[in-house]
N, C-alpha and C. Protein backbone atom coordinates (compact mmCIF):
# COMPACT_ATOMS: atom_id res chain seq x y z
N MET A 1 -2.52 0.15 21.67
CA MET A 1 -2.09 0.46 20.34
C MET A 1 -2.40 -0.74 19.45
N PHE A 2 -3.04 -0.49 18.35
CA PHE A 2 -3.34 -1.50 17.34
C PHE A 2 -2.54 -1.12 16.10
N ILE A 3 -1.60 -1.95 15.71
CA ILE A 3 -0.76 -1.65 14.55
C ILE A 3 -1.18 -2.53 13.38
N HIS A 4 -1.54 -1.87 12.29
CA HIS A 4 -1.93 -2.56 11.06
C HIS A 4 -0.72 -2.57 10.13
N ALA A 5 -0.16 -3.74 9.89
CA ALA A 5 1.02 -3.86 9.02
C ALA A 5 0.55 -4.25 7.62
N GLU A 6 0.69 -3.34 6.70
CA GLU A 6 0.20 -3.51 5.33
C GLU A 6 1.11 -4.41 4.50
N THR A 7 0.52 -5.45 3.95
CA THR A 7 1.26 -6.30 3.01
C THR A 7 0.40 -6.74 1.83
N SER A 8 -0.81 -6.21 1.71
CA SER A 8 -1.67 -6.64 0.59
C SER A 8 -1.06 -6.19 -0.73
N ASN A 9 -1.12 -7.05 -1.68
CA ASN A 9 -0.56 -6.80 -3.02
C ASN A 9 0.95 -6.57 -3.00
N ALA A 10 1.61 -6.97 -1.94
CA ALA A 10 3.05 -6.76 -1.81
C ALA A 10 3.81 -7.58 -2.85
N ILE A 11 4.87 -6.98 -3.37
CA ILE A 11 5.70 -7.69 -4.35
C ILE A 11 7.04 -8.13 -3.79
N HIS A 12 7.38 -7.69 -2.59
CA HIS A 12 8.73 -7.94 -2.07
C HIS A 12 9.03 -9.41 -1.84
N ALA A 13 8.04 -10.27 -1.79
CA ALA A 13 8.30 -11.70 -1.62
C ALA A 13 8.40 -12.44 -2.95
N ASP A 14 8.13 -11.73 -4.04
CA ASP A 14 8.17 -12.33 -5.37
C ASP A 14 9.45 -11.91 -6.08
N ARG A 15 10.44 -12.76 -6.07
CA ARG A 15 11.75 -12.41 -6.64
C ARG A 15 11.72 -12.23 -8.15
N SER A 16 10.63 -12.65 -8.79
CA SER A 16 10.54 -12.48 -10.23
C SER A 16 10.14 -11.06 -10.61
N LYS A 17 9.67 -10.27 -9.64
CA LYS A 17 9.23 -8.90 -9.91
C LYS A 17 10.26 -7.89 -9.40
N PRO A 18 10.59 -6.90 -10.21
CA PRO A 18 11.48 -5.84 -9.73
C PRO A 18 10.72 -4.92 -8.78
N LEU A 19 11.44 -4.18 -7.94
CA LEU A 19 10.78 -3.26 -7.02
C LEU A 19 10.01 -2.17 -7.77
N SER A 20 10.37 -1.94 -9.01
CA SER A 20 9.64 -0.95 -9.81
C SER A 20 8.22 -1.40 -10.12
N ALA A 21 7.90 -2.67 -9.85
CA ALA A 21 6.55 -3.20 -10.09
C ALA A 21 5.64 -3.01 -8.88
N THR A 22 6.05 -2.18 -7.93
CA THR A 22 5.24 -1.90 -6.75
C THR A 22 3.85 -1.44 -7.18
N PRO A 23 2.79 -1.93 -6.52
CA PRO A 23 1.44 -1.50 -6.90
C PRO A 23 1.24 -0.01 -6.67
N ARG A 24 0.47 0.63 -7.51
CA ARG A 24 0.18 2.07 -7.44
C ARG A 24 -1.32 2.28 -7.36
N LEU A 25 -1.75 3.31 -6.66
CA LEU A 25 -3.15 3.66 -6.57
C LEU A 25 -3.42 4.95 -7.35
N ASN A 26 -4.56 5.01 -8.03
CA ASN A 26 -4.95 6.27 -8.67
C ASN A 26 -5.71 7.11 -7.64
N HIS A 27 -6.15 8.29 -8.04
CA HIS A 27 -6.78 9.22 -7.11
C HIS A 27 -8.01 8.61 -6.43
N ALA A 28 -8.87 7.98 -7.20
CA ALA A 28 -10.09 7.37 -6.64
C ALA A 28 -9.74 6.22 -5.69
N GLU A 29 -8.74 5.45 -6.05
CA GLU A 29 -8.32 4.33 -5.19
C GLU A 29 -7.74 4.83 -3.87
N TRP A 30 -6.99 5.95 -3.92
CA TRP A 30 -6.47 6.52 -2.67
C TRP A 30 -7.61 6.94 -1.77
N ALA A 31 -8.64 7.57 -2.34
CA ALA A 31 -9.79 8.01 -1.54
C ALA A 31 -10.47 6.81 -0.89
N ALA A 32 -10.68 5.74 -1.64
CA ALA A 32 -11.34 4.54 -1.11
C ALA A 32 -10.46 3.87 -0.05
N PHE A 33 -9.18 3.76 -0.32
CA PHE A 33 -8.23 3.15 0.62
C PHE A 33 -8.22 3.93 1.94
N GLY A 34 -8.14 5.25 1.83
CA GLY A 34 -8.14 6.09 3.03
C GLY A 34 -9.43 6.00 3.81
N ALA A 35 -10.56 5.95 3.11
CA ALA A 35 -11.86 5.85 3.78
C ALA A 35 -11.98 4.52 4.52
N LYS A 36 -11.51 3.44 3.90
CA LYS A 36 -11.59 2.12 4.55
C LYS A 36 -10.70 2.06 5.79
N LEU A 37 -9.48 2.60 5.68
CA LEU A 37 -8.59 2.60 6.84
C LEU A 37 -9.15 3.47 7.96
N THR A 38 -9.75 4.60 7.60
CA THR A 38 -10.34 5.48 8.60
C THR A 38 -11.50 4.80 9.30
N GLU A 39 -12.30 4.06 8.55
CA GLU A 39 -13.41 3.31 9.15
C GLU A 39 -12.90 2.29 10.17
N VAL A 40 -11.86 1.57 9.81
CA VAL A 40 -11.27 0.59 10.73
C VAL A 40 -10.68 1.31 11.95
N ALA A 41 -9.97 2.41 11.71
CA ALA A 41 -9.35 3.15 12.82
C ALA A 41 -10.40 3.72 13.76
N ASP A 42 -11.51 4.19 13.21
CA ASP A 42 -12.60 4.70 14.05
C ASP A 42 -13.16 3.59 14.94
N TYR A 43 -13.32 2.40 14.37
CA TYR A 43 -13.79 1.25 15.14
C TYR A 43 -12.80 0.91 16.26
N VAL A 44 -11.53 0.87 15.91
CA VAL A 44 -10.49 0.56 16.89
C VAL A 44 -10.50 1.60 18.01
N ALA A 45 -10.67 2.87 17.65
CA ALA A 45 -10.72 3.94 18.65
C ALA A 45 -11.92 3.76 19.58
N ALA A 46 -13.04 3.32 19.03
CA ALA A 46 -14.25 3.09 19.83
C ALA A 46 -14.04 1.94 20.84
N GLN A 47 -13.06 1.10 20.56
CA GLN A 47 -12.73 0.00 21.47
C GLN A 47 -11.68 0.42 22.51
N GLY A 48 -11.24 1.67 22.43
CA GLY A 48 -10.29 2.20 23.41
C GLY A 48 -8.83 2.10 23.01
N LEU A 49 -8.56 1.80 21.75
CA LEU A 49 -7.17 1.68 21.29
C LEU A 49 -6.86 2.73 20.23
N ARG A 50 -5.60 3.04 20.09
CA ARG A 50 -5.15 3.91 18.99
C ARG A 50 -4.73 3.04 17.83
N PHE A 51 -4.97 3.50 16.61
CA PHE A 51 -4.68 2.76 15.39
C PHE A 51 -3.44 3.37 14.74
N ALA A 52 -2.50 2.52 14.35
CA ALA A 52 -1.31 2.99 13.64
C ALA A 52 -1.09 2.10 12.41
N TYR A 53 -0.81 2.72 11.30
CA TYR A 53 -0.56 2.03 10.04
C TYR A 53 0.94 1.88 9.86
N HIS A 54 1.37 0.68 9.53
CA HIS A 54 2.80 0.42 9.28
C HIS A 54 2.95 -0.01 7.82
N HIS A 55 3.67 0.79 7.06
CA HIS A 55 3.85 0.50 5.64
C HIS A 55 5.05 -0.41 5.41
N HIS A 56 5.09 -1.02 4.24
CA HIS A 56 6.18 -1.91 3.87
C HIS A 56 6.64 -1.62 2.44
N LEU A 57 7.88 -1.90 2.20
CA LEU A 57 8.44 -1.83 0.86
C LEU A 57 7.68 -2.78 -0.05
N GLY A 58 7.38 -2.34 -1.27
CA GLY A 58 6.69 -3.20 -2.22
C GLY A 58 5.18 -3.18 -2.08
N THR A 59 4.64 -2.20 -1.33
CA THR A 59 3.20 -2.06 -1.17
C THR A 59 2.78 -0.66 -1.64
N VAL A 60 1.51 -0.34 -1.52
CA VAL A 60 1.01 0.93 -2.05
C VAL A 60 1.53 2.16 -1.31
N VAL A 61 1.94 2.02 -0.07
CA VAL A 61 2.53 3.14 0.67
C VAL A 61 4.01 2.85 0.83
N GLU A 62 4.79 3.47 -0.03
CA GLU A 62 6.21 3.15 -0.07
C GLU A 62 7.07 4.42 -0.10
N SER A 63 6.79 5.32 -1.01
CA SER A 63 7.62 6.51 -1.20
C SER A 63 7.13 7.68 -0.36
N SER A 64 7.91 8.74 -0.32
CA SER A 64 7.48 9.94 0.41
C SER A 64 6.21 10.51 -0.20
N GLU A 65 6.06 10.41 -1.52
CA GLU A 65 4.84 10.87 -2.18
C GLU A 65 3.64 10.03 -1.73
N ASP A 66 3.85 8.71 -1.61
CA ASP A 66 2.78 7.82 -1.14
C ASP A 66 2.37 8.19 0.29
N ILE A 67 3.35 8.51 1.11
CA ILE A 67 3.06 8.87 2.50
C ILE A 67 2.22 10.14 2.54
N GLU A 68 2.56 11.11 1.70
CA GLU A 68 1.77 12.34 1.64
C GLU A 68 0.34 12.05 1.21
N LEU A 69 0.16 11.21 0.19
CA LEU A 69 -1.18 10.84 -0.26
C LEU A 69 -1.93 10.07 0.82
N PHE A 70 -1.22 9.22 1.54
CA PHE A 70 -1.82 8.47 2.64
C PHE A 70 -2.37 9.42 3.70
N VAL A 71 -1.57 10.37 4.11
CA VAL A 71 -1.99 11.32 5.14
C VAL A 71 -3.17 12.15 4.65
N GLU A 72 -3.14 12.57 3.40
CA GLU A 72 -4.24 13.35 2.84
C GLU A 72 -5.53 12.54 2.72
N SER A 73 -5.41 11.24 2.55
CA SER A 73 -6.57 10.37 2.29
C SER A 73 -7.19 9.76 3.53
N THR A 74 -6.52 9.85 4.66
CA THR A 74 -7.02 9.21 5.88
C THR A 74 -7.49 10.27 6.88
N GLY A 75 -8.32 9.82 7.81
CA GLY A 75 -8.84 10.70 8.84
C GLY A 75 -7.91 10.79 10.04
N PRO A 76 -8.29 11.64 11.01
CA PRO A 76 -7.43 11.87 12.19
C PRO A 76 -7.27 10.65 13.10
N SER A 77 -8.12 9.67 12.97
CA SER A 77 -8.00 8.47 13.81
C SER A 77 -6.91 7.52 13.32
N VAL A 78 -6.37 7.79 12.14
CA VAL A 78 -5.35 6.91 11.55
C VAL A 78 -3.96 7.47 11.88
N GLY A 79 -3.22 6.69 12.67
CA GLY A 79 -1.84 7.04 12.96
C GLY A 79 -0.91 6.40 11.95
N PHE A 80 0.36 6.71 12.05
CA PHE A 80 1.34 6.21 11.08
C PHE A 80 2.63 5.89 11.81
N THR A 81 3.16 4.69 11.61
CA THR A 81 4.47 4.36 12.17
C THR A 81 5.53 4.70 11.14
N VAL A 82 6.62 5.23 11.60
CA VAL A 82 7.70 5.63 10.71
C VAL A 82 8.68 4.47 10.59
N ASP A 83 8.85 4.00 9.38
CA ASP A 83 9.78 2.91 9.10
C ASP A 83 10.98 3.50 8.39
N THR A 84 12.07 3.68 9.10
CA THR A 84 13.24 4.32 8.50
C THR A 84 13.99 3.38 7.54
N GLY A 85 13.69 2.09 7.59
CA GLY A 85 14.36 1.15 6.70
C GLY A 85 13.87 1.24 5.26
N THR A 86 12.59 1.55 5.06
CA THR A 86 12.05 1.61 3.70
C THR A 86 12.72 2.69 2.86
N PRO A 87 12.81 3.94 3.33
CA PRO A 87 13.51 4.95 2.52
C PRO A 87 14.97 4.60 2.26
N HIS A 88 15.62 3.99 3.25
CA HIS A 88 17.02 3.58 3.08
C HIS A 88 17.12 2.55 1.97
N TRP A 89 16.24 1.56 1.98
CA TRP A 89 16.25 0.51 0.96
C TRP A 89 15.97 1.09 -0.42
N GLN A 90 15.02 2.03 -0.50
CA GLN A 90 14.71 2.65 -1.79
C GLN A 90 15.94 3.36 -2.35
N ALA A 91 16.63 4.10 -1.49
CA ALA A 91 17.83 4.80 -1.95
C ALA A 91 18.89 3.82 -2.42
N TRP A 92 19.06 2.72 -1.70
CA TRP A 92 20.05 1.72 -2.07
C TRP A 92 19.72 1.09 -3.42
N THR A 93 18.45 0.77 -3.64
CA THR A 93 18.07 0.10 -4.88
C THR A 93 18.21 1.01 -6.09
N ARG A 94 18.15 2.31 -5.90
CA ARG A 94 18.35 3.23 -7.02
C ARG A 94 19.79 3.20 -7.55
N TRP A 95 20.73 2.91 -6.65
CA TRP A 95 22.15 2.90 -7.02
C TRP A 95 22.64 1.51 -7.40
N ARG A 96 21.82 0.54 -7.21
CA ARG A 96 22.21 -0.84 -7.46
C ARG A 96 22.38 -1.13 -8.93
């Protein structure tokens, strides 16, 4: 198993930014992001490993809508780890 933990463009380490400043992808960016991840996952599969993507709060894959777009944009070689803490944190921050 090869787990890719996404933190590019993450804002969660920058206390000057609110969580609402999470980076967003447009339709074309989702297609490119998904194609790149699928390319990496295909390579990993050719090496005999399964590829799994792990999302983080404050990155482009954060909300349930992001997860849906992620699944739609990636190929079958891209797996996904379920992080139950991210949705919990999102719900908490809405009431804060």
